[in-house]
Amino acid sequence: MKAYVAVALCLALSACATSGRLTSEQKLSLYRAHAAPPQQDMPLYGGINGWTELGDSALAVWTRPSEAYLLELTGPCQGLDYALEIALTSRTGRVSSRFDKVLVRDPTSGPMNMPCFIRSIQKLDIKALRASEQEMRQAKLQERE
């Protein structure tokens, strides 16, 4: 697993250094490198603390400032890349893979929420993810010098 993380980090670093910014696909690879094995569900403590789109079929959702999950969807989720807000369905304070959905509010069509089924849920190692992102920023600064 550590070898996979190292390879993913090297690929992301080289891409960042050449283009200056990570694509959604590169960010998804970085988040996958810092994700635990899939789990059946995750807690939802009353609301979403934040979220990051990772392409049209994945996103990271923060349930607390230091707790986040990688959600991979069953297919492309229309509007995820430009959505202003999302919501998650849940049952008794838990979001379950294969049963619950990400609801994307499409700003172009009014209050309509487009449902996107969650295929898998993986807890993210936030400390390691932030450390990798910091390394990437440092590499970018060094590349500029």
Protein backbone atom coordinates (compact mmCIF):
# COMPACT_ATOMS: atom_id res chain seq x y z
CA MET A 1 0.00 0.00 0.00
CA LYS A 2 2.83 2.40 0.83
CA ALA A 3 4.36 1.77 -2.59
CA TYR A 4 1.04 2.66 -4.22
CA VAL A 5 0.88 5.90 -2.24
CA ALA A 6 4.44 6.78 -3.25
CA VAL A 7 3.76 6.12 -6.95
CA ALA A 8 0.52 8.10 -6.88
CA LEU A 9 2.24 10.97 -5.11
CA CYS A 10 5.11 11.02 -7.63
CA LEU A 11 2.67 11.08 -10.54
CA ALA A 12 0.67 13.87 -8.95
CA LEU A 13 3.83 15.86 -8.16
CA SER A 14 5.14 15.60 -11.69
CA ALA A 15 1.78 16.64 -13.13
CA CYS A 16 1.55 19.56 -10.74
CA ALA A 17 5.05 20.73 -11.58
CA THR A 18 4.40 20.72 -15.32
CA SER A 19 0.89 22.19 -15.44
CA GLY A 20 0.77 24.24 -12.25
CA ARG A 21 -2.58 22.79 -11.22
CA LEU A 22 -3.98 19.32 -10.65
CA THR A 23 -6.82 18.09 -12.81
CA SER A 24 -9.84 16.45 -11.18
CA GLU A 25 -8.47 13.07 -12.27
CA GLN A 26 -5.10 13.76 -10.64
CA LYS A 27 -6.80 14.96 -7.44
CA LEU A 28 -8.90 11.77 -7.42
CA SER A 29 -5.73 9.67 -7.68
CA LEU A 30 -4.24 11.56 -4.74
CA TYR A 31 -7.37 11.10 -2.63
CA ARG A 32 -7.56 7.38 -3.53
CA ALA A 33 -3.94 7.01 -2.39
CA HIS A 34 -4.97 8.27 1.06
CA ALA A 35 -8.23 6.33 1.36
CA ALA A 36 -8.90 3.37 3.64
CA PRO A 37 -10.61 0.24 2.28
CA PRO A 38 -14.30 0.64 1.36
CA GLN A 39 -16.82 0.58 4.19
CA GLN A 40 -20.58 0.05 4.22
CA ASP A 41 -21.56 3.45 5.61
CA MET A 42 -20.41 6.67 7.26
CA PRO A 43 -21.80 8.94 9.97
CA LEU A 44 -23.48 12.21 9.09
CA TYR A 45 -23.47 14.53 12.10
CA GLY A 46 -26.30 16.79 11.00
CA GLY A 47 -24.74 18.24 7.88
CA ILE A 48 -21.82 18.47 5.51
CA ASN A 49 -18.85 20.52 6.70
CA GLY A 50 -17.46 20.83 3.14
CA TRP A 51 -16.93 18.96 -0.10
CA THR A 52 -14.58 18.77 -3.07
CA GLU A 53 -15.53 17.46 -6.50
CA LEU A 54 -13.09 14.94 -7.91
CA GLY A 55 -14.41 14.61 -11.44
CA ASP A 56 -17.96 13.75 -12.46
CA SER A 57 -18.19 10.47 -10.53
CA ALA A 58 -16.42 11.07 -7.20
CA LEU A 59 -16.18 13.61 -4.41
CA ALA A 60 -14.68 14.07 -0.97
CA VAL A 61 -17.14 15.00 1.78
CA TRP A 62 -16.08 16.49 5.12
CA THR A 63 -18.38 15.57 8.00
CA ARG A 64 -16.13 17.39 10.50
CA PRO A 65 -13.08 19.59 9.95
CA SER A 66 -10.76 16.63 10.56
CA GLU A 67 -12.94 13.83 9.15
CA ALA A 68 -13.61 13.21 5.47
CA TYR A 69 -14.75 10.42 3.17
CA LEU A 70 -14.16 9.62 -0.48
CA LEU A 71 -17.49 8.88 -2.18
CA GLU A 72 -17.36 7.17 -5.55
CA LEU A 73 -20.60 7.18 -7.52
CA THR A 74 -22.22 4.56 -9.75
CA GLY A 75 -21.67 6.72 -12.82
CA PRO A 76 -21.27 10.30 -13.97
CA CYS A 77 -23.18 12.77 -11.82
CA GLN A 78 -24.59 15.58 -13.92
CA GLY A 79 -23.66 19.03 -12.66
CA LEU A 80 -21.23 17.94 -9.95
CA ASP A 81 -18.33 19.86 -11.51
CA TYR A 82 -20.12 23.22 -11.26
CA ALA A 83 -22.61 22.68 -8.43
CA LEU A 84 -22.85 25.36 -5.77
CA GLU A 85 -24.21 22.95 -3.20
CA ILE A 86 -24.90 19.28 -2.60
CA ALA A 87 -26.78 17.22 -0.02
CA LEU A 88 -26.62 13.59 1.06
CA THR A 89 -29.55 11.34 1.80
CA SER A 90 -29.22 9.33 5.01
CA ARG A 91 -31.05 6.98 7.29
CA THR A 92 -30.80 7.52 11.05
CA GLY A 93 -27.68 9.67 10.74
CA ARG A 94 -25.74 7.24 8.50
CA VAL A 95 -25.04 7.43 4.77
CA SER A 96 -24.89 3.97 3.16
CA SER A 97 -23.26 2.91 -0.08
CA ARG A 98 -25.63 1.49 -2.72
CA PHE A 99 -28.69 2.93 -0.89
CA ASP A 100 -28.08 6.63 -0.36
CA LYS A 101 -27.47 9.38 -2.88
CA VAL A 102 -25.64 12.63 -3.46
CA LEU A 103 -28.15 15.31 -4.43
CA VAL A 104 -26.68 17.97 -6.71
CA ARG A 105 -28.38 21.31 -6.90
CA ASP A 106 -28.15 22.46 -10.50
CA PRO A 107 -27.90 26.26 -10.51
CA THR A 108 -29.02 26.44 -14.15
CA SER A 109 -32.35 24.67 -13.64
CA GLY A 110 -33.54 26.07 -10.32
CA PRO A 111 -34.15 24.07 -7.16
CA MET A 112 -34.06 20.64 -8.83
CA ASN A 113 -31.81 18.07 -7.12
CA MET A 114 -30.29 15.42 -9.36
CA PRO A 115 -29.71 12.14 -7.45
CA CYS A 116 -26.43 10.26 -7.89
CA PHE A 117 -26.12 6.86 -6.18
CA ILE A 118 -23.10 6.21 -3.96
CA ARG A 119 -21.14 3.12 -5.07
CA SER A 120 -18.46 3.15 -2.35
CA ILE A 121 -17.42 5.03 0.79
CA GLN A 122 -13.83 5.24 2.01
CA LYS A 123 -12.52 7.16 5.00
CA LEU A 124 -9.68 9.53 4.15
CA ASP A 125 -6.44 9.92 6.10
CA ILE A 126 -6.67 13.70 6.35
CA LYS A 127 -3.26 14.23 7.96
CA ALA A 128 -1.47 12.26 5.24
CA LEU A 129 -3.54 13.92 2.51
CA ARG A 130 -2.70 17.41 3.79
CA ALA A 131 0.99 16.47 4.09
CA SER A 132 1.00 15.28 0.46
CA GLU A 133 -0.72 18.45 -0.68
CA GLN A 134 1.88 20.50 1.23
CA GLU A 135 4.69 18.56 -0.47
CA MET A 136 3.08 19.28 -3.83
CA ARG A 137 2.92 23.00 -3.06
CA GLN A 138 6.59 22.96 -2.01
CA ALA A 139 7.55 21.16 -5.22
CA LYS A 140 5.64 23.76 -7.21
CA LEU A 141 7.47 26.61 -5.43
CA GLN A 142 10.84 24.94 -6.03
CA GLU A 143 9.96 24.46 -9.71
CA ARG A 144 9.29 28.21 -10.03
CA GLU A 145 12.67 29.08 -8.48
